[in-house]
Amino acid sequence: MRLPAPLMIVLVTLTSAPSCQRPGSPPRLLPDDHALAPAASAELRAACALAEHRCSRCHPIDRVLLVDVATPRQWQDQVTRMRRLAGSSISPGDGDAIVRCLVYRSFGPAGLAALEPGGSGASSP
């Protein structure tokens, strides 16, 4: 039995493409060995678990880990853009939680303070 050419191309691509995931368990946004993990609240851990779940629906978590942002506001902009994509299933509330996780991971508690009303939103690492 001979497969149609388009199907053969898809099969070859899927079976020969290198994996974006590290060997073993997939990467996490706030792994236990991350410098900020011990101080993370249960709320932040839940926000990061939500971010892992929602973001990995469309792309590998490695891609999120590699995003280069200079301010907490840039994370807000990125998550808002992703949330607005058709099929993202990220609600505004989920988006806020995801932003908190990503800002904490990138900037620590000072970044979270910048997200609060009256915060600068431009905290740097």
PDB file of N, CA and C in Angstrom:
ATOM      1  N   MET A   1       0.838  -1.173   0.000  1.00  0.00           N
ATOM      2  CA  MET A   1       0.000   0.000   0.000  1.00  0.00           C
ATOM      3  C   MET A   1       0.883   1.236   0.000  1.00  0.00           C
ATOM      4  N   ARG A   2       0.604   2.130  -0.895  1.00  0.00           N
ATOM      5  CA  ARG A   2       1.377   3.362  -1.010  1.00  0.00           C
ATOM      6  C   ARG A   2       0.567   4.517  -0.427  1.00  0.00           C
ATOM      7  N   LEU A   3       1.206   5.298   0.441  1.00  0.00           N
ATOM      8  CA  LEU A   3       0.547   6.448   1.061  1.00  0.00           C
ATOM      9  C   LEU A   3       0.590   7.652   0.123  1.00  0.00           C
ATOM     10  N   PRO A   4      -0.454   8.477   0.140  1.00  0.00           N
ATOM     11  CA  PRO A   4      -0.421   9.701  -0.655  1.00  0.00           C
ATOM     12  C   PRO A   4       0.752  10.579  -0.214  1.00  0.00           C
ATOM     13  N   ALA A   5       1.339  11.315  -1.147  1.00  0.00           N
ATOM     14  CA  ALA A   5       2.526  12.136  -0.881  1.00  0.00           C
ATOM     15  C   ALA A   5       2.325  13.114   0.279  1.00  0.00           C
ATOM     16  N   PRO A   6       1.210  13.866   0.354  1.00  0.00           N
ATOM     17  CA  PRO A   6       1.066  14.796   1.486  1.00  0.00           C
ATOM     18  C   PRO A   6       1.067  14.086   2.845  1.00  0.00           C
ATOM     19  N   LEU A   7       0.432  12.917   2.914  1.00  0.00           N
ATOM     20  CA  LEU A   7       0.411  12.171   4.161  1.00  0.00           C
ATOM     21  C   LEU A   7       1.805  11.668   4.506  1.00  0.00           C
ATOM     22  N   MET A   8       2.545  11.235   3.518  1.00  0.00           N
ATOM     23  CA  MET A   8       3.910  10.754   3.737  1.00  0.00           C
ATOM     24  C   MET A   8       4.785  11.887   4.270  1.00  0.00           C
ATOM     25  N   ILE A   9       4.634  13.095   3.733  1.00  0.00           N
ATOM     26  CA  ILE A   9       5.423  14.234   4.192  1.00  0.00           C
ATOM     27  C   ILE A   9       5.113  14.533   5.656  1.00  0.00           C
ATOM     28  N   VAL A  10       3.844  14.502   6.014  1.00  0.00           N
ATOM     29  CA  VAL A  10       3.446  14.755   7.393  1.00  0.00           C
ATOM     30  C   VAL A  10       4.031  13.695   8.316  1.00  0.00           C
ATOM     31  N   LEU A  11       3.950  12.442   7.941  1.00  0.00           N
ATOM     32  CA  LEU A  11       4.475  11.363   8.773  1.00  0.00           C
ATOM     33  C   LEU A  11       5.983  11.472   8.952  1.00  0.00           C
ATOM     34  N   VAL A  12       6.699  11.771   7.894  1.00  0.00           N
ATOM     35  CA  VAL A  12       8.152  11.895   7.978  1.00  0.00           C
ATOM     36  C   VAL A  12       8.515  13.082   8.865  1.00  0.00           C
ATOM     37  N   THR A  13       7.811  14.188   8.699  1.00  0.00           N
ATOM     38  CA  THR A  13       8.083  15.376   9.503  1.00  0.00           C
ATOM     39  C   THR A  13       7.836  15.108  10.978  1.00  0.00           C
ATOM     40  N   LEU A  14       6.730  14.477  11.298  1.00  0.00           N
ATOM     41  CA  LEU A  14       6.391  14.217  12.692  1.00  0.00           C
ATOM     42  C   LEU A  14       7.335  13.233  13.350  1.00  0.00           C
ATOM     43  N   THR A  15       7.807  12.268  12.619  1.00  0.00           N
ATOM     44  CA  THR A  15       8.666  11.252  13.225  1.00  0.00           C
ATOM     45  C   THR A  15      10.127  11.659  13.249  1.00  0.00           C
ATOM     46  N   SER A  16      10.532  12.643  12.433  1.00  0.00           N
ATOM     47  CA  SER A  16      11.939  13.015  12.403  1.00  0.00           C
ATOM     48  C   SER A  16      12.224  14.372  13.022  1.00  0.00           C
ATOM     49  N   ALA A  17      11.196  15.139  13.361  1.00  0.00           N
ATOM     50  CA  ALA A  17      11.410  16.462  13.946  1.00  0.00           C
ATOM     51  C   ALA A  17      12.003  16.324  15.341  1.00  0.00           C
ATOM     52  N   PRO A  18      13.016  17.162  15.648  1.00  0.00           N
ATOM     53  CA  PRO A  18      13.578  17.090  16.997  1.00  0.00           C
ATOM     54  C   PRO A  18      12.569  17.602  18.014  1.00  0.00           C
ATOM     55  N   SER A  19      12.629  17.050  19.191  1.00  0.00           N
ATOM     56  CA  SER A  19      11.703  17.445  20.246  1.00  0.00           C
ATOM     57  C   SER A  19      12.158  18.747  20.883  1.00  0.00           C
ATOM     58  N   CYS A  20      11.205  19.612  21.202  1.00  0.00           N
ATOM     59  CA  CYS A  20      11.518  20.859  21.896  1.00  0.00           C
ATOM     60  C   CYS A  20      11.589  20.643  23.394  1.00  0.00           C
ATOM     61  N   GLN A  21      11.137  19.512  23.872  1.00  0.00           N
ATOM     62  CA  GLN A  21      11.115  19.242  25.301  1.00  0.00           C
ATOM     63  C   GLN A  21      12.430  18.594  25.723  1.00  0.00           C
ATOM     64  N   ARG A  22      12.828  18.863  26.950  1.00  0.00           N
ATOM     65  CA  ARG A  22      14.011  18.219  27.509  1.00  0.00           C
ATOM     66  C   ARG A  22      13.682  16.760  27.806  1.00  0.00           C
ATOM     67  N   PRO A  23      14.713  15.904  27.828  1.00  0.00           N
ATOM     68  CA  PRO A  23      14.451  14.515  28.187  1.00  0.00           C
ATOM     69  C   PRO A  23      13.893  14.436  29.608  1.00  0.00           C
ATOM     70  N   GLY A  24      13.115  13.435  29.855  1.00  0.00           N
ATOM     71  CA  GLY A  24      12.523  13.278  31.181  1.00  0.00           C
ATOM     72  C   GLY A  24      11.241  14.076  31.286  1.00  0.00           C
ATOM     73  N   SER A  25      11.013  14.635  32.449  1.00  0.00           N
ATOM     74  CA  SER A  25       9.772  15.387  32.642  1.00  0.00           C
ATOM     75  C   SER A  25       9.863  16.738  31.945  1.00  0.00           C
ATOM     76  N   PRO A  26       8.715  17.259  31.480  1.00  0.00           N
ATOM     77  CA  PRO A  26       8.728  18.538  30.785  1.00  0.00           C
ATOM     78  C   PRO A  26       9.129  19.670  31.724  1.00  0.00           C
ATOM     79  N   PRO A  27       9.688  20.752  31.182  1.00  0.00           N
ATOM     80  CA  PRO A  27      10.087  21.871  32.027  1.00  0.00           C
ATOM     81  C   PRO A  27       8.878  22.501  32.709  1.00  0.00           C
ATOM     82  N   ARG A  28       9.125  23.160  33.823  1.00  0.00           N
ATOM     83  CA  ARG A  28       8.056  23.816  34.565  1.00  0.00           C
ATOM     84  C   ARG A  28       8.401  25.290  34.709  1.00  0.00           C
ATOM     85  N   LEU A  29       7.362  26.119  34.823  1.00  0.00           N
ATOM     86  CA  LEU A  29       7.587  27.548  34.961  1.00  0.00           C
ATOM     87  C   LEU A  29       8.198  27.914  36.307  1.00  0.00           C
ATOM     88  N   LEU A  30       7.875  27.180  37.349  1.00  0.00           N
ATOM     89  CA  LEU A  30       8.442  27.451  38.665  1.00  0.00           C
ATOM     90  C   LEU A  30       8.873  26.131  39.302  1.00  0.00           C
ATOM     91  N   PRO A  31       9.960  25.540  38.778  1.00  0.00           N
ATOM     92  CA  PRO A  31      10.407  24.260  39.329  1.00  0.00           C
ATOM     93  C   PRO A  31      10.902  24.441  40.758  1.00  0.00           C
ATOM     94  N   ASP A  32      10.952  23.351  41.502  1.00  0.00           N
ATOM     95  CA  ASP A  32      11.356  23.399  42.907  1.00  0.00           C
ATOM     96  C   ASP A  32      12.764  23.963  43.092  1.00  0.00           C
ATOM     97  N   ASP A  33      13.637  23.802  42.087  1.00  0.00           N
ATOM     98  CA  ASP A  33      15.006  24.291  42.228  1.00  0.00           C
ATOM     99  C   ASP A  33      15.176  25.727  41.741  1.00  0.00           C
ATOM    100  N   HIS A  34      14.092  26.392  41.330  1.00  0.00           N
ATOM    101  CA  HIS A  34      14.162  27.802  40.921  1.00  0.00           C
ATOM    102  C   HIS A  34      14.445  28.635  42.164  1.00  0.00           C
ATOM    103  N   ALA A  35      15.255  29.673  42.044  1.00  0.00           N
ATOM    104  CA  ALA A  35      15.651  30.488  43.189  1.00  0.00           C
ATOM    105  C   ALA A  35      14.457  31.075  43.940  1.00  0.00           C
ATOM    106  N   LEU A  36      13.369  31.366  43.240  1.00  0.00           N
ATOM    107  CA  LEU A  36      12.210  31.992  43.878  1.00  0.00           C
ATOM    108  C   LEU A  36      11.192  30.985  44.397  1.00  0.00           C
ATOM    109  N   ALA A  37      11.364  29.716  44.089  1.00  0.00           N
ATOM    110  CA  ALA A  37      10.363  28.705  44.452  1.00  0.00           C
ATOM    111  C   ALA A  37      10.080  28.613  45.953  1.00  0.00           C
ATOM    112  N   PRO A  38      11.098  28.632  46.821  1.00  0.00           N
ATOM    113  CA  PRO A  38      10.790  28.485  48.247  1.00  0.00           C
ATOM    114  C   PRO A  38       9.875  29.583  48.796  1.00  0.00           C
ATOM    115  N   ALA A  39       9.955  30.790  48.246  1.00  0.00           N
ATOM    116  CA  ALA A  39       9.147  31.899  48.746  1.00  0.00           C
ATOM    117  C   ALA A  39       7.792  32.011  48.048  1.00  0.00           C
ATOM    118  N   ALA A  40       7.570  31.190  47.045  1.00  0.00           N
ATOM    119  CA  ALA A  40       6.318  31.281  46.281  1.00  0.00           C
ATOM    120  C   ALA A  40       5.140  30.817  47.121  1.00  0.00           C
ATOM    121  N   SER A  41       4.087  31.604  47.098  1.00  0.00           N
ATOM    122  CA  SER A  41       2.876  31.244  47.838  1.00  0.00           C
ATOM    123  C   SER A  41       2.119  30.149  47.087  1.00  0.00           C
ATOM    124  N   ALA A  42       1.149  29.577  47.759  1.00  0.00           N
ATOM    125  CA  ALA A  42       0.298  28.575  47.114  1.00  0.00           C
ATOM    126  C   ALA A  42      -0.429  29.203  45.923  1.00  0.00           C
ATOM    127  N   GLU A  43      -0.809  30.471  46.061  1.00  0.00           N
ATOM    128  CA  GLU A  43      -1.483  31.171  44.956  1.00  0.00           C
ATOM    129  C   GLU A  43      -0.571  31.265  43.730  1.00  0.00           C
ATOM    130  N   LEU A  44       0.705  31.604  43.946  1.00  0.00           N
ATOM    131  CA  LEU A  44       1.644  31.693  42.826  1.00  0.00           C
ATOM    132  C   LEU A  44       1.917  30.329  42.213  1.00  0.00           C
ATOM    133  N   ARG A  45       2.024  29.311  43.042  1.00  0.00           N
ATOM    134  CA  ARG A  45       2.237  27.957  42.505  1.00  0.00           C
ATOM    135  C   ARG A  45       1.038  27.527  41.652  1.00  0.00           C
ATOM    136  N   ALA A  46      -0.168  27.850  42.125  1.00  0.00           N
ATOM    137  CA  ALA A  46      -1.370  27.522  41.349  1.00  0.00           C
ATOM    138  C   ALA A  46      -1.397  28.324  40.046  1.00  0.00           C
ATOM    139  N   ALA A  47      -0.972  29.582  40.107  1.00  0.00           N
ATOM    140  CA  ALA A  47      -0.930  30.422  38.902  1.00  0.00           C
ATOM    141  C   ALA A  47       0.054  29.845  37.888  1.00  0.00           C
ATOM    142  N   CYS A  48       1.182  29.354  38.371  1.00  0.00           N
ATOM    143  CA  CYS A  48       2.169  28.769  37.461  1.00  0.00           C
ATOM    144  C   CYS A  48       1.684  27.446  36.876  1.00  0.00           C
ATOM    145  N   ALA A  49       0.983  26.659  37.672  1.00  0.00           N
ATOM    146  CA  ALA A  49       0.408  25.417  37.144  1.00  0.00           C
ATOM    147  C   ALA A  49      -0.628  25.743  36.066  1.00  0.00           C
ATOM    148  N   LEU A  50      -1.426  26.774  36.296  1.00  0.00           N
ATOM    149  CA  LEU A  50      -2.401  27.208  35.300  1.00  0.00           C
ATOM    150  C   LEU A  50      -1.695  27.680  34.035  1.00  0.00           C
ATOM    151  N   ALA A  51      -0.635  28.462  34.203  1.00  0.00           N
ATOM    152  CA  ALA A  51       0.121  28.954  33.048  1.00  0.00           C
ATOM    153  C   ALA A  51       0.696  27.787  32.240  1.00  0.00           C
ATOM    154  N   GLU A  52       1.257  26.815  32.935  1.00  0.00           N
ATOM    155  CA  GLU A  52       1.803  25.648  32.237  1.00  0.00           C
ATOM    156  C   GLU A  52       0.716  24.945  31.431  1.00  0.00           C
ATOM    157  N   HIS A  53      -0.437  24.789  32.033  1.00  0.00           N
ATOM    158  CA  HIS A  53      -1.543  24.094  31.372  1.00  0.00           C
ATOM    159  C   HIS A  53      -2.046  24.884  30.162  1.00  0.00           C
ATOM    160  N   ARG A  54      -2.321  26.164  30.351  1.00  0.00           N
ATOM    161  CA  ARG A  54      -2.882  26.974  29.256  1.00  0.00           C
ATOM    162  C   ARG A  54      -1.862  27.224  28.143  1.00  0.00           C
ATOM    163  N   CYS A  55      -0.649  27.604  28.512  1.00  0.00           N
ATOM    164  CA  CYS A  55       0.347  27.956  27.494  1.00  0.00           C
ATOM    165  C   CYS A  55       0.779  26.742  26.673  1.00  0.00           C
ATOM    166  N   SER A  56       0.851  25.584  27.326  1.00  0.00           N
ATOM    167  CA  SER A  56       1.323  24.390  26.620  1.00  0.00           C
ATOM    168  C   SER A  56       0.269  23.820  25.666  1.00  0.00           C
ATOM    169  N   ARG A  57      -0.923  24.362  25.678  1.00  0.00           N
ATOM    170  CA  ARG A  57      -1.929  23.919  24.705  1.00  0.00           C
ATOM    171  C   ARG A  57      -1.527  24.319  23.293  1.00  0.00           C
ATOM    172  N   CYS A  58      -0.772  25.421  23.169  1.00  0.00           N
ATOM    173  CA  CYS A  58      -0.412  25.937  21.845  1.00  0.00           C
ATOM    174  C   CYS A  58       1.073  25.817  21.515  1.00  0.00           C
ATOM    175  N   HIS A  59       1.922  25.770  22.521  1.00  0.00           N
ATOM    176  CA  HIS A  59       3.359  25.662  22.253  1.00  0.00           C
ATOM    177  C   HIS A  59       4.080  25.086  23.458  1.00  0.00           C
ATOM    178  N   PRO A  60       5.301  24.589  23.251  1.00  0.00           N
ATOM    179  CA  PRO A  60       6.056  24.008  24.362  1.00  0.00           C
ATOM    180  C   PRO A  60       6.369  25.058  25.433  1.00  0.00           C
ATOM    181  N   ILE A  61       6.424  24.660  26.675  1.00  0.00           N
ATOM    182  CA  ILE A  61       6.754  25.573  27.764  1.00  0.00           C
ATOM    183  C   ILE A  61       8.148  26.167  27.560  1.00  0.00           C
ATOM    184  N   ASP A  62       9.045  25.431  26.928  1.00  0.00           N
ATOM    185  CA  ASP A  62      10.373  25.980  26.621  1.00  0.00           C
ATOM    186  C   ASP A  62      10.256  27.323  25.919  1.00  0.00           C
ATOM    187  N   ARG A  63       9.284  27.456  25.063  1.00  0.00           N
ATOM    188  CA  ARG A  63       9.103  28.704  24.323  1.00  0.00           C
ATOM    189  C   ARG A  63       8.757  29.846  25.283  1.00  0.00           C
ATOM    190  N   VAL A  64       7.939  29.575  26.272  1.00  0.00           N
ATOM    191  CA  VAL A  64       7.589  30.591  27.272  1.00  0.00           C
ATOM    192  C   VAL A  64       8.822  30.949  28.094  1.00  0.00           C
ATOM    193  N   LEU A  65       9.614  29.951  28.437  1.00  0.00           N
ATOM    194  CA  LEU A  65      10.799  30.180  29.254  1.00  0.00           C
ATOM    195  C   LEU A  65      11.841  31.031  28.531  1.00  0.00           C
ATOM    196  N   LEU A  66      11.802  31.061  27.211  1.00  0.00           N
ATOM    197  CA  LEU A  66      12.800  31.796  26.431  1.00  0.00           C
ATOM    198  C   LEU A  66      12.379  33.217  26.064  1.00  0.00           C
ATOM    199  N   VAL A  67      11.152  33.602  26.375  1.00  0.00           N
ATOM    200  CA  VAL A  67      10.693  34.948  26.039  1.00  0.00           C
ATOM    201  C   VAL A  67      11.536  35.956  26.814  1.00  0.00           C
ATOM    202  N   ASP A  68      12.059  36.945  26.096  1.00  0.00           N
ATOM    203  CA  ASP A  68      12.902  37.963  26.711  1.00  0.00           C
ATOM    204  C   ASP A  68      12.059  39.210  26.965  1.00  0.00           C
ATOM    205  N   VAL A  69      11.765  39.477  28.218  1.00  0.00           N
ATOM    206  CA  VAL A  69      10.990  40.663  28.585  1.00  0.00           C
ATOM    207  C   VAL A  69      11.827  41.531  29.508  1.00  0.00           C
ATOM    208  N   ALA A  70      11.645  42.853  29.417  1.00  0.00           N
ATOM    209  CA  ALA A  70      12.415  43.783  30.238  1.00  0.00           C
ATOM    210  C   ALA A  70      11.591  44.371  31.374  1.00  0.00           C
ATOM    211  N   THR A  71      10.256  44.256  31.275  1.00  0.00           N
ATOM    212  CA  THR A  71       9.391  44.833  32.304  1.00  0.00           C
ATOM    213  C   THR A  71       8.190  43.924  32.555  1.00  0.00           C
ATOM    214  N   PRO A  72       7.578  44.028  33.725  1.00  0.00           N
ATOM    215  CA  PRO A  72       6.348  43.279  33.980  1.00  0.00           C
ATOM    216  C   PRO A  72       5.250  43.616  32.970  1.00  0.00           C
ATOM    217  N   ARG A  73       5.203  44.854  32.543  1.00  0.00           N
ATOM    218  CA  ARG A  73       4.188  45.278  31.567  1.00  0.00           C
ATOM    219  C   ARG A  73       4.303  44.474  30.269  1.00  0.00           C
ATOM    220  N   GLN A  74       5.512  44.126  29.886  1.00  0.00           N
ATOM    221  CA  GLN A  74       5.687  43.331  28.663  1.00  0.00           C
ATOM    222  C   GLN A  74       5.062  41.956  28.818  1.00  0.00           C
ATOM    223  N   TRP A  75       5.104  41.354  30.022  1.00  0.00           N
ATOM    224  CA  TRP A  75       4.414  40.085  30.232  1.00  0.00           C
ATOM    225  C   TRP A  75       2.910  40.294  30.101  1.00  0.00           C
ATOM    226  N   GLN A  76       2.393  41.385  30.646  1.00  0.00           N
ATOM    227  CA  GLN A  76       0.962  41.667  30.516  1.00  0.00           C
ATOM    228  C   GLN A  76       0.575  41.753  29.040  1.00  0.00           C
ATOM    229  N   ASP A  77       1.379  42.454  28.264  1.00  0.00           N
ATOM    230  CA  ASP A  77       1.088  42.601  26.837  1.00  0.00           C
ATOM    231  C   ASP A  77       1.132  41.259  26.113  1.00  0.00           C
ATOM    232  N   GLN A  78       2.142  40.430  26.429  1.00  0.00           N
ATOM    233  CA  GLN A  78       2.266  39.115  25.785  1.00  0.00           C
ATOM    234  C   GLN A  78       1.060  38.235  26.101  1.00  0.00           C
ATOM    235  N   VAL A  79       0.681  38.184  27.382  1.00  0.00           N
ATOM    236  CA  VAL A  79      -0.435  37.320  27.781  1.00  0.00           C
ATOM    237  C   VAL A  79      -1.745  37.838  27.195  1.00  0.00           C
ATOM    238  N   THR A  80      -1.925  39.143  27.160  1.00  0.00           N
ATOM    239  CA  THR A  80      -3.137  39.714  26.550  1.00  0.00           C
ATOM    240  C   THR A  80      -3.215  39.329  25.081  1.00  0.00           C
ATOM    241  N   ARG A  81      -2.089  39.409  24.394  1.00  0.00           N
ATOM    242  CA  ARG A  81      -2.067  39.036  22.969  1.00  0.00           C
ATOM    243  C   ARG A  81      -2.420  37.562  22.788  1.00  0.00           C
ATOM    244  N   MET A  82      -1.845  36.697  23.600  1.00  0.00           N
ATOM    245  CA  MET A  82      -2.136  35.264  23.506  1.00  0.00           C
ATOM    246  C   MET A  82      -3.589  34.977  23.876  1.00  0.00           C
ATOM    247  N   ARG A  83      -4.088  35.659  24.898  1.00  0.00           N
ATOM    248  CA  ARG A  83      -5.466  35.439  25.361  1.00  0.00           C
ATOM    249  C   ARG A  83      -6.470  35.771  24.272  1.00  0.00           C
ATOM    250  N   ARG A  84      -6.157  36.742  23.455  1.00  0.00           N
ATOM    251  CA  ARG A  84      -7.085  37.182  22.408  1.00  0.00           C
ATOM    252  C   ARG A  84      -7.077  36.287  21.169  1.00  0.00           C
ATOM    253  N   LEU A  85      -6.137  35.369  21.087  1.00  0.00           N
ATOM    254  CA  LEU A  85      -6.096  34.461  19.945  1.00  0.00           C
ATOM    255  C   LEU A  85      -7.267  33.480  20.013  1.00  0.00           C
ATOM    256  N   ALA A  86      -7.842  33.221  18.875  1.00  0.00           N
ATOM    257  CA  ALA A  86      -8.961  32.272  18.819  1.00  0.00           C
ATOM    258  C   ALA A  86      -8.515  30.919  19.360  1.00  0.00           C
ATOM    259  N   GLY A  87      -9.329  30.347  20.209  1.00  0.00           N
ATOM    260  CA  GLY A  87      -9.049  29.024  20.740  1.00  0.00           C
ATOM    261  C   GLY A  87      -8.105  28.989  21.922  1.00  0.00           C
ATOM    262  N   SER A  88      -7.669  30.152  22.418  1.00  0.00           N
ATOM    263  CA  SER A  88      -6.711  30.134  23.531  1.00  0.00           C
ATOM    264  C   SER A  88      -7.347  29.633  24.821  1.00  0.00           C
ATOM    265  N   SER A  89      -8.624  29.847  24.993  1.00  0.00           N
ATOM    266  CA  SER A  89      -9.392  29.479  26.190  1.00  0.00           C
ATOM    267  C   SER A  89      -8.843  30.112  27.466  1.00  0.00           C
ATOM    268  N   ILE A  90      -8.125  31.216  27.330  1.00  0.00           N
ATOM    269  CA  ILE A  90      -7.612  31.939  28.491  1.00  0.00           C
ATOM    270  C   ILE A  90      -8.592  33.061  28.810  1.00  0.00           C
ATOM    271  N   SER A  91      -9.236  32.955  29.952  1.00  0.00           N
ATOM    272  CA  SER A  91     -10.182  33.991  30.377  1.00  0.00           C
ATOM    273  C   SER A  91      -9.393  35.191  30.904  1.00  0.00           C
ATOM    274  N   PRO A  92     -10.045  36.343  31.047  1.00  0.00           N
ATOM    275  CA  PRO A  92      -9.338  37.493  31.637  1.00  0.00           C
ATOM    276  C   PRO A  92      -8.767  37.166  33.027  1.00  0.00           C
ATOM    277  N   GLY A  93      -9.523  36.448  33.848  1.00  0.00           N
ATOM    278  CA  GLY A  93      -9.024  36.069  35.171  1.00  0.00           C
ATOM    279  C   GLY A  93      -7.829  35.137  35.096  1.00  0.00           C
ATOM    280  N   ASP A  94      -7.888  34.158  34.183  1.00  0.00           N
ATOM    281  CA  ASP A  94      -6.754  33.260  33.986  1.00  0.00           C
ATOM    282  C   ASP A  94      -5.545  34.060  33.501  1.00  0.00           C
ATOM    283  N   GLY A  95      -5.800  35.019  32.617  1.00  0.00           N
ATOM    284  CA  GLY A  95      -4.714  35.850  32.102  1.00  0.00           C
ATOM    285  C   GLY A  95      -4.005  36.600  33.219  1.00  0.00           C
ATOM    286  N   ASP A  96      -4.775  37.138  34.161  1.00  0.00           N
ATOM    287  CA  ASP A  96      -4.175  37.848  35.297  1.00  0.00           C
ATOM    288  C   ASP A  96      -3.295  36.913  36.125  1.00  0.00           C
ATOM    289  N   ALA A  97      -3.778  35.699  36.366  1.00  0.00           N
ATOM    290  CA  ALA A  97      -3.004  34.725  37.146  1.00  0.00           C
ATOM    291  C   ALA A  97      -1.730  34.330  36.398  1.00  0.00           C
ATOM    292  N   ILE A  98      -1.845  34.116  35.099  1.00  0.00           N
ATOM    293  CA  ILE A  98      -0.684  33.743  34.285  1.00  0.00           C
ATOM    294  C   ILE A  98       0.359  34.854  34.323  1.00  0.00           C
ATOM    295  N   VAL A  99      -0.096  36.102  34.197  1.00  0.00           N
ATOM    296  CA  VAL A  99       0.828  37.243  34.259  1.00  0.00           C
ATOM    297  C   VAL A  99       1.553  37.255  35.603  1.00  0.00           C
ATOM    298  N   ARG A 100       0.835  37.026  36.691  1.00  0.00           N
ATOM    299  CA  ARG A 100       1.466  37.026  38.020  1.00  0.00           C
ATOM    300  C   ARG A 100       2.569  35.966  38.095  1.00  0.00           C
ATOM    301  N   CYS A 101       2.309  34.782  37.573  1.00  0.00           N
ATOM    302  CA  CYS A 101       3.325  33.728  37.573  1.00  0.00           C
ATOM    303  C   CYS A 101       4.552  34.156  36.775  1.00  0.00           C
ATOM    304  N   LEU A 102       4.326  34.617  35.553  1.00  0.00           N
ATOM    305  CA  LEU A 102       5.448  34.963  34.675  1.00  0.00           C
ATOM    306  C   LEU A 102       6.247  36.149  35.213  1.00  0.00           C
ATOM    307  N   VAL A 103       5.553  37.133  35.773  1.00  0.00           N
ATOM    308  CA  VAL A 103       6.248  38.288  36.346  1.00  0.00           C
ATOM    309  C   VAL A 103       7.060  37.854  37.563  1.00  0.00           C
ATOM    310  N   TYR A 104       6.481  37.031  38.423  1.00  0.00           N
ATOM    311  CA  TYR A 104       7.207  36.557  39.598  1.00  0.00           C
ATOM    312  C   TYR A 104       8.441  35.769  39.173  1.00  0.00           C
ATOM    313  N   ARG A 105       8.277  34.909  38.181  1.00  0.00           N
ATOM    314  CA  ARG A 105       9.401  34.105  37.717  1.00  0.00           C
ATOM    315  C   ARG A 105      10.516  34.984  37.152  1.00  0.00           C
ATOM    316  N   SER A 106      10.143  36.042  36.443  1.00  0.00           N
ATOM    317  CA  SER A 106      11.139  36.903  35.799  1.00  0.00           C
ATOM    318  C   SER A 106      11.714  37.985  36.713  1.00  0.00           C
ATOM    319  N   PHE A 107      10.873  38.549  37.595  1.00  0.00           N
ATOM    320  CA  PHE A 107      11.281  39.729  38.353  1.00  0.00           C
ATOM    321  C   PHE A 107      11.164  39.592  39.866  1.00  0.00           C
ATOM    322  N   GLY A 108      10.600  38.473  40.337  1.00  0.00           N
ATOM    323  CA  GLY A 108      10.472  38.272  41.773  1.00  0.00           C
ATOM    324  C   GLY A 108       9.397  39.154  42.398  1.00  0.00           C
ATOM    325  N   PRO A 109       9.426  39.272  43.720  1.00  0.00           N
ATOM    326  CA  PRO A 109       8.407  40.060  44.417  1.00  0.00           C
ATOM    327  C   PRO A 109       8.337  41.524  43.963  1.00  0.00           C
ATOM    328  N   ALA A 110       9.470  42.110  43.594  1.00  0.00           N
ATOM    329  CA  ALA A 110       9.461  43.501  43.133  1.00  0.00           C
ATOM    330  C   ALA A 110       8.639  43.647  41.856  1.00  0.00           C
ATOM    331  N   GLY A 111       8.691  42.651  41.004  1.00  0.00           N
ATOM    332  CA  GLY A 111       7.882  42.687  39.782  1.00  0.00           C
ATOM    333  C   GLY A 111       6.404  42.628  40.097  1.00  0.00           C
ATOM    334  N   LEU A 112       6.029  41.796  41.079  1.00  0.00           N
ATOM    335  CA  LEU A 112       4.622  41.728  41.478  1.00  0.00           C
ATOM    336  C   LEU A 112       4.154  43.057  42.051  1.00  0.00           C
ATOM    337  N   ALA A 113       5.012  43.714  42.821  1.00  0.00           N
ATOM    338  CA  ALA A 113       4.657  45.019  43.383  1.00  0.00           C
ATOM    339  C   ALA A 113       4.403  46.027  42.269  1.00  0.00           C
ATOM    340  N   ALA A 114       5.147  45.910  41.176  1.00  0.00           N
ATOM    341  CA  ALA A 114       4.959  46.825  40.049  1.00  0.00           C
ATOM    342  C   ALA A 114       3.614  46.614  39.364  1.00  0.00           C
ATOM    343  N   LEU A 115       3.028  45.429  39.515  1.00  0.00           N
ATOM    344  CA  LEU A 115       1.715  45.155  38.919  1.00  0.00           C
ATOM    345  C   LEU A 115       0.576  45.760  39.729  1.00  0.00           C
ATOM    346  N   GLU A 116       0.815  46.023  40.999  1.00  0.00           N
ATOM    347  CA  GLU A 116      -0.236  46.552  41.876  1.00  0.00           C
ATOM    348  C   GLU A 116      -0.598  47.974  41.463  1.00  0.00           C
ATOM    349  N   PRO A 117      -1.833  48.407  41.758  1.00  0.00           N
ATOM    350  CA  PRO A 117      -2.218  49.794  41.469  1.00  0.00           C
ATOM    351  C   PRO A 117      -1.216  50.749  42.136  1.00  0.00           C
ATOM    352  N   GLY A 118      -0.746  51.665  41.341  1.00  0.00           N
ATOM    353  CA  GLY A 118       0.257  52.604  41.844  1.00  0.00           C
ATOM    354  C   GLY A 118       1.687  52.120  41.641  1.00  0.00           C
ATOM    355  N   GLY A 119       1.837  50.837  41.216  1.00  0.00           N
ATOM    356  CA  GLY A 119       3.166  50.316  40.922  1.00  0.00           C
ATOM    357  C   GLY A 119       3.660  50.882  39.605  1.00  0.00           C
ATOM    358  N   SER A 120       4.950  50.863  39.393  1.00  0.00           N
ATOM    359  CA  SER A 120       5.505  51.474  38.184  1.00  0.00           C
ATOM    360  C   SER A 120       5.228  50.658  36.928  1.00  0.00           C
ATOM    361  N   GLY A 121       5.119  49.329  37.050  1.00  0.00           N
ATOM    362  CA  GLY A 121       4.906  48.482  35.881  1.00  0.00           C
ATOM    363  C   GLY A 121       6.130  48.374  35.008  1.00  0.00           C
ATOM    364  N   ALA A 122       7.183  49.060  35.396  1.00  0.00           N
ATOM    365  CA  ALA A 122       8.403  49.070  34.581  1.00  0.00           C
ATOM    366  C   ALA A 122       9.597  48.600  35.378  1.00  0.00           C
ATOM    367  N   SER A 123       9.367  47.772  36.364  1.00  0.00           N
ATOM    368  CA  SER A 123      10.452  47.247  37.183  1.00  0.00           C
ATOM    369  C   SER A 123      11.416  46.462  36.308  1.00  0.00           C
ATOM    370  N   SER A 124      12.680  46.565  36.586  1.00  0.00           N
ATOM    371  CA  SER A 124      13.656  45.805  35.819  1.00  0.00           C
ATOM    372  C   SER A 124      14.262  44.729  36.691  1.00  0.00           C
ATOM    373  N   PRO A 125      14.818  43.685  36.056  1.00  0.00           N
ATOM    374  CA  PRO A 125      15.363  42.575  36.824  1.00  0.00           C
ATOM    375  C   PRO A 125      16.566  42.946  37.633  1.00  0.00           C
TER     376      PRO A 125
END
